[in-house]
Amino acid sequence: MKKPNILNNLNILQKVTIEENNTILFFFGDTPNWNKKEVIKDVVNSDDFYEVIEINFNFDYKDLTRLYWKIHRYIGEEFFIEFDNGKINIWEGEISDNEECWGTFDDLEDEILIINYKKYNVQKSSQDWKNDYENLRKRYYSLYKKKKIQLDDFREKIKSELKEKIEKHLEQKIKQKRNYINSDNFTEEDVNQVISLALNDLHNGVRIDLFTEFLYNE
């Protein structure tokens, strides 16, 4: 079987520009779109250049512009270009020789006719690095905010459950004291025992021992 001719080696579309002479430049790198991805990949050793695929299309300017805007929406995605017999196909996913693993972008046509192409590398500018940093910073704070909201919700659930359990054990304790010593007064030992019972309830479906400090710090 003929090995597919995949033009790019770096797998993530970083940016795309439209040029004169019916040309679109595809800039590939290894930095994902952190705003789209739930999982942040390790890019500590990120390449300091873009791999550029410059393609001259057999389109009029209107069709070229339409294609450009379709491609533009996939910046940050895993994206690769296959060339065969004067035409290109654009695929989604990790670069692989196994065509069964390739995905498609539904709004991109198959077998797009081109005039020619060339490949070269371009060094990242200081602005490129700044943009990468800003995107990562925004993603970090977005995740931090999301996790903080989840923790706050969990905390409220814990407090509510703990309150119910303590009230239940307090009621039981009050009944016991009324039956035996005819008093509703609690000693410090009584209170500690009630709290201990609530925290160690075998039917408790949520771990609360690590969060009980919230109850007493407010």
Protein backbone atom coordinates (compact mmCIF):
# COMPACT_ATOMS: atom_id res chain seq x y z
CA MET A 1 0.00 0.00 0.00
CA LYS A 2 1.22 3.48 -0.88
CA LYS A 3 2.32 5.51 2.13
CA PRO A 4 0.25 8.70 2.49
CA ASN A 5 2.10 11.94 1.74
CA ILE A 6 1.42 14.03 4.84
CA LEU A 7 2.85 17.52 4.45
CA ASN A 8 3.19 18.63 8.07
CA ASN A 9 5.18 16.96 10.86
CA LEU A 10 3.97 19.17 13.71
CA ASN A 11 0.38 18.31 14.44
CA ILE A 12 -1.45 21.37 15.78
CA LEU A 13 -2.67 24.22 13.61
CA GLN A 14 -1.40 27.36 15.39
CA LYS A 15 -2.52 30.06 13.00
CA VAL A 16 -3.50 30.60 9.39
CA THR A 17 -3.09 33.61 7.11
CA ILE A 18 -4.34 34.50 3.67
CA GLU A 19 -1.86 36.02 1.23
CA GLU A 20 -1.73 37.32 -2.32
CA ASN A 21 -1.76 35.02 -5.36
CA ASN A 22 -4.48 32.76 -3.93
CA THR A 23 -2.19 31.54 -1.17
CA ILE A 24 -2.97 30.37 2.37
CA LEU A 25 -0.22 29.84 4.94
CA PHE A 26 -0.76 27.09 7.51
CA PHE A 27 1.37 27.48 10.65
CA PHE A 28 1.85 24.26 12.60
CA GLY A 29 3.30 23.80 16.08
CA ASP A 30 2.84 21.82 19.28
CA THR A 31 0.85 24.26 21.44
CA PRO A 32 -2.83 23.26 21.84
CA ASN A 33 -5.75 25.62 22.22
CA TRP A 34 -6.06 25.52 26.01
CA ASN A 35 -9.48 27.13 25.85
CA LYS A 36 -10.84 24.11 23.99
CA LYS A 37 -8.99 21.27 25.66
CA GLU A 38 -9.92 19.76 29.01
CA VAL A 39 -6.57 18.03 29.22
CA ILE A 40 -3.47 20.20 29.12
CA LYS A 41 -0.63 18.42 27.36
CA ASP A 42 2.99 18.72 28.40
CA VAL A 43 4.53 21.43 26.24
CA VAL A 44 7.48 22.27 28.48
CA ASN A 45 9.87 21.63 25.60
CA SER A 46 7.79 23.47 23.04
CA ASP A 47 9.39 24.07 19.65
CA ASP A 48 10.59 27.63 19.05
CA PHE A 49 9.46 27.66 15.42
CA TYR A 50 6.39 27.16 13.26
CA GLU A 51 6.33 24.64 10.47
CA VAL A 52 4.71 26.51 7.58
CA ILE A 53 2.87 24.89 4.69
CA GLU A 54 2.29 27.49 1.98
CA ILE A 55 -0.38 26.39 -0.49
CA ASN A 56 -1.34 28.14 -3.71
CA PHE A 57 -4.98 27.24 -4.46
CA ASN A 58 -6.80 27.07 -7.76
CA PHE A 59 -9.58 29.33 -6.42
CA ASP A 60 -10.94 32.78 -7.06
CA TYR A 61 -10.62 35.19 -4.14
CA LYS A 62 -14.19 34.63 -2.91
CA ASP A 63 -13.76 30.86 -2.67
CA LEU A 64 -10.30 31.27 -1.14
CA THR A 65 -11.71 33.56 1.56
CA ARG A 66 -14.49 31.10 2.31
CA LEU A 67 -11.96 28.29 2.73
CA TYR A 68 -9.75 30.49 4.92
CA TRP A 69 -12.55 31.21 7.41
CA LYS A 70 -13.52 27.55 7.56
CA ILE A 71 -9.93 26.62 8.39
CA HIS A 72 -9.51 29.49 10.83
CA ARG A 73 -12.06 28.01 13.24
CA TYR A 74 -9.84 24.94 13.71
CA ILE A 75 -6.84 26.79 15.11
CA GLY A 76 -5.63 24.84 18.14
CA GLU A 77 -6.89 21.52 16.80
CA GLU A 78 -4.91 18.46 15.74
CA PHE A 79 -4.81 18.98 12.00
CA PHE A 80 -2.82 17.58 9.10
CA ILE A 81 -2.71 17.90 5.34
CA GLU A 82 -2.37 15.00 2.90
CA PHE A 83 -1.21 15.67 -0.66
CA ASP A 84 -1.92 13.34 -3.56
CA ASN A 85 -1.93 13.91 -7.33
CA GLY A 86 -2.33 17.69 -7.25
CA LYS A 87 -5.00 17.68 -4.56
CA ILE A 88 -5.06 17.97 -0.78
CA ASN A 89 -7.26 16.48 1.90
CA ILE A 90 -7.40 17.96 5.38
CA TRP A 91 -7.72 15.54 8.29
CA GLU A 92 -8.38 15.77 12.01
CA GLY A 93 -6.45 13.93 14.74
CA GLU A 94 -2.95 12.70 15.40
CA ILE A 95 -0.67 12.20 12.43
CA SER A 96 -0.58 8.52 11.56
CA ASP A 97 0.03 6.27 8.58
CA ASN A 98 -3.09 4.34 9.57
CA GLU A 99 -5.84 6.00 7.55
CA GLU A 100 -8.54 4.28 9.59
CA CYS A 101 -7.60 6.51 12.52
CA TRP A 102 -8.04 9.76 10.60
CA GLY A 103 -10.94 12.03 11.42
CA THR A 104 -12.66 14.56 9.19
CA PHE A 105 -13.80 18.16 9.48
CA ASP A 106 -17.38 18.09 8.27
CA ASP A 107 -17.36 21.51 6.61
CA LEU A 108 -14.10 21.05 4.66
CA GLU A 109 -14.28 19.64 1.15
CA ASP A 110 -12.41 16.53 0.01
CA GLU A 111 -9.71 16.57 -2.68
CA ILE A 112 -9.16 20.30 -2.94
CA LEU A 113 -7.31 21.14 -6.14
CA ILE A 114 -4.11 23.16 -5.65
CA ILE A 115 -1.50 24.68 -7.95
CA ASN A 116 1.57 24.07 -5.79
CA TYR A 117 2.88 24.11 -2.24
CA LYS A 118 6.11 24.62 -0.34
CA LYS A 119 7.32 23.98 3.20
CA TYR A 120 9.62 25.94 5.49
CA ASN A 121 10.12 26.89 9.13
CA VAL A 122 9.59 30.31 10.73
CA GLN A 123 10.97 31.26 14.14
CA LYS A 124 8.42 32.26 16.76
CA SER A 125 8.42 35.95 17.58
CA SER A 126 8.33 37.41 21.09
CA GLN A 127 4.67 38.23 20.46
CA ASP A 128 3.98 34.58 19.62
CA TRP A 129 5.51 33.50 22.93
CA LYS A 130 3.53 36.18 24.75
CA ASN A 131 0.31 34.98 23.14
CA ASP A 132 1.07 31.38 24.17
CA TYR A 133 1.68 32.53 27.74
CA GLU A 134 -1.49 34.63 27.88
CA ASN A 135 -3.61 31.76 26.56
CA LEU A 136 -2.16 29.38 29.13
CA ARG A 137 -2.63 31.91 31.94
CA LYS A 138 -6.29 32.40 31.01
CA ARG A 139 -6.82 28.65 30.89
CA TYR A 140 -5.18 28.19 34.30
CA TYR A 141 -7.42 30.77 35.96
CA SER A 142 -10.46 29.37 34.19
CA LEU A 143 -9.72 25.90 35.58
CA TYR A 144 -8.90 27.36 39.00
CA LYS A 145 -12.24 29.20 39.11
CA LYS A 146 -14.11 26.09 37.98
CA LYS A 147 -12.47 23.89 40.62
CA LYS A 148 -13.02 26.52 43.33
CA ILE A 149 -16.73 26.64 42.54
CA GLN A 150 -16.86 22.83 42.69
CA LEU A 151 -15.04 22.85 46.03
CA ASP A 152 -17.37 25.52 47.43
CA ASP A 153 -20.40 23.48 46.35
CA PHE A 154 -18.88 20.36 47.91
CA ARG A 155 -18.15 22.28 51.09
CA GLU A 156 -21.79 23.41 51.37
CA LYS A 157 -22.96 19.85 50.82
CA ILE A 158 -20.62 18.63 53.54
CA LYS A 159 -21.76 21.30 56.00
CA SER A 160 -25.41 20.54 55.32
CA GLU A 161 -24.92 16.80 55.77
CA LEU A 162 -22.85 17.27 58.90
CA LYS A 163 -25.44 19.65 60.37
CA GLU A 164 -28.21 17.09 59.80
CA LYS A 165 -26.20 14.32 61.41
CA ILE A 166 -25.25 16.41 64.43
CA GLU A 167 -28.86 17.49 64.94
CA LYS A 168 -29.98 13.86 64.74
CA HIS A 169 -27.43 12.74 67.33
CA LEU A 170 -28.23 15.74 69.54
CA GLU A 171 -31.89 14.76 69.57
CA GLN A 172 -30.94 11.23 70.59
CA LYS A 173 -28.64 12.56 73.28
CA ILE A 174 -31.32 14.87 74.66
CA LYS A 175 -33.75 11.96 74.93
CA GLN A 176 -31.14 9.89 76.74
CA LYS A 177 -30.37 12.66 79.23
CA ARG A 178 -34.05 13.29 79.89
CA ASN A 179 -34.60 9.61 80.54
CA TYR A 180 -31.64 9.24 82.89
CA ILE A 181 -30.88 12.56 84.56
CA ASN A 182 -33.82 14.75 83.54
CA SER A 183 -31.59 17.46 82.01
CA ASP A 184 -30.97 19.03 78.59
CA ASN A 185 -27.58 20.50 79.51
CA PHE A 186 -24.51 19.22 77.66
CA THR A 187 -20.97 18.89 78.85
CA GLU A 188 -18.01 19.40 76.52
CA GLU A 189 -17.59 15.63 76.47
CA ASP A 190 -21.21 15.22 75.36
CA VAL A 191 -20.74 17.64 72.47
CA ASN A 192 -17.50 15.97 71.36
CA GLN A 193 -19.19 12.59 71.44
CA VAL A 194 -22.07 13.83 69.27
CA ILE A 195 -19.68 15.34 66.72
CA SER A 196 -17.59 12.16 66.70
CA LEU A 197 -20.68 10.07 66.02
CA ALA A 198 -21.70 12.34 63.16
CA LEU A 199 -18.26 12.28 61.59
CA ASN A 200 -17.92 8.52 61.80
CA ASP A 201 -21.41 7.59 60.67
CA LEU A 202 -21.06 4.32 58.75
CA HIS A 203 -23.86 5.38 56.44
CA ASN A 204 -22.14 8.60 55.45
CA GLY A 205 -21.63 8.50 51.68
CA VAL A 206 -19.26 11.47 51.57
CA ARG A 207 -15.91 11.91 53.26
CA ILE A 208 -16.27 14.87 55.57
CA ASP A 209 -13.36 14.54 57.97
CA LEU A 210 -11.08 16.73 55.81
CA PHE A 211 -13.63 19.53 55.53
CA THR A 212 -15.07 19.89 59.02
CA GLU A 213 -12.77 22.81 59.80
CA PHE A 214 -14.95 24.93 57.54
CA LEU A 215 -17.86 24.41 59.91
CA TYR A 216 -15.97 25.80 62.87
CA ASN A 217 -14.07 28.58 61.12
CA GLU A 218 -17.22 30.49 60.17
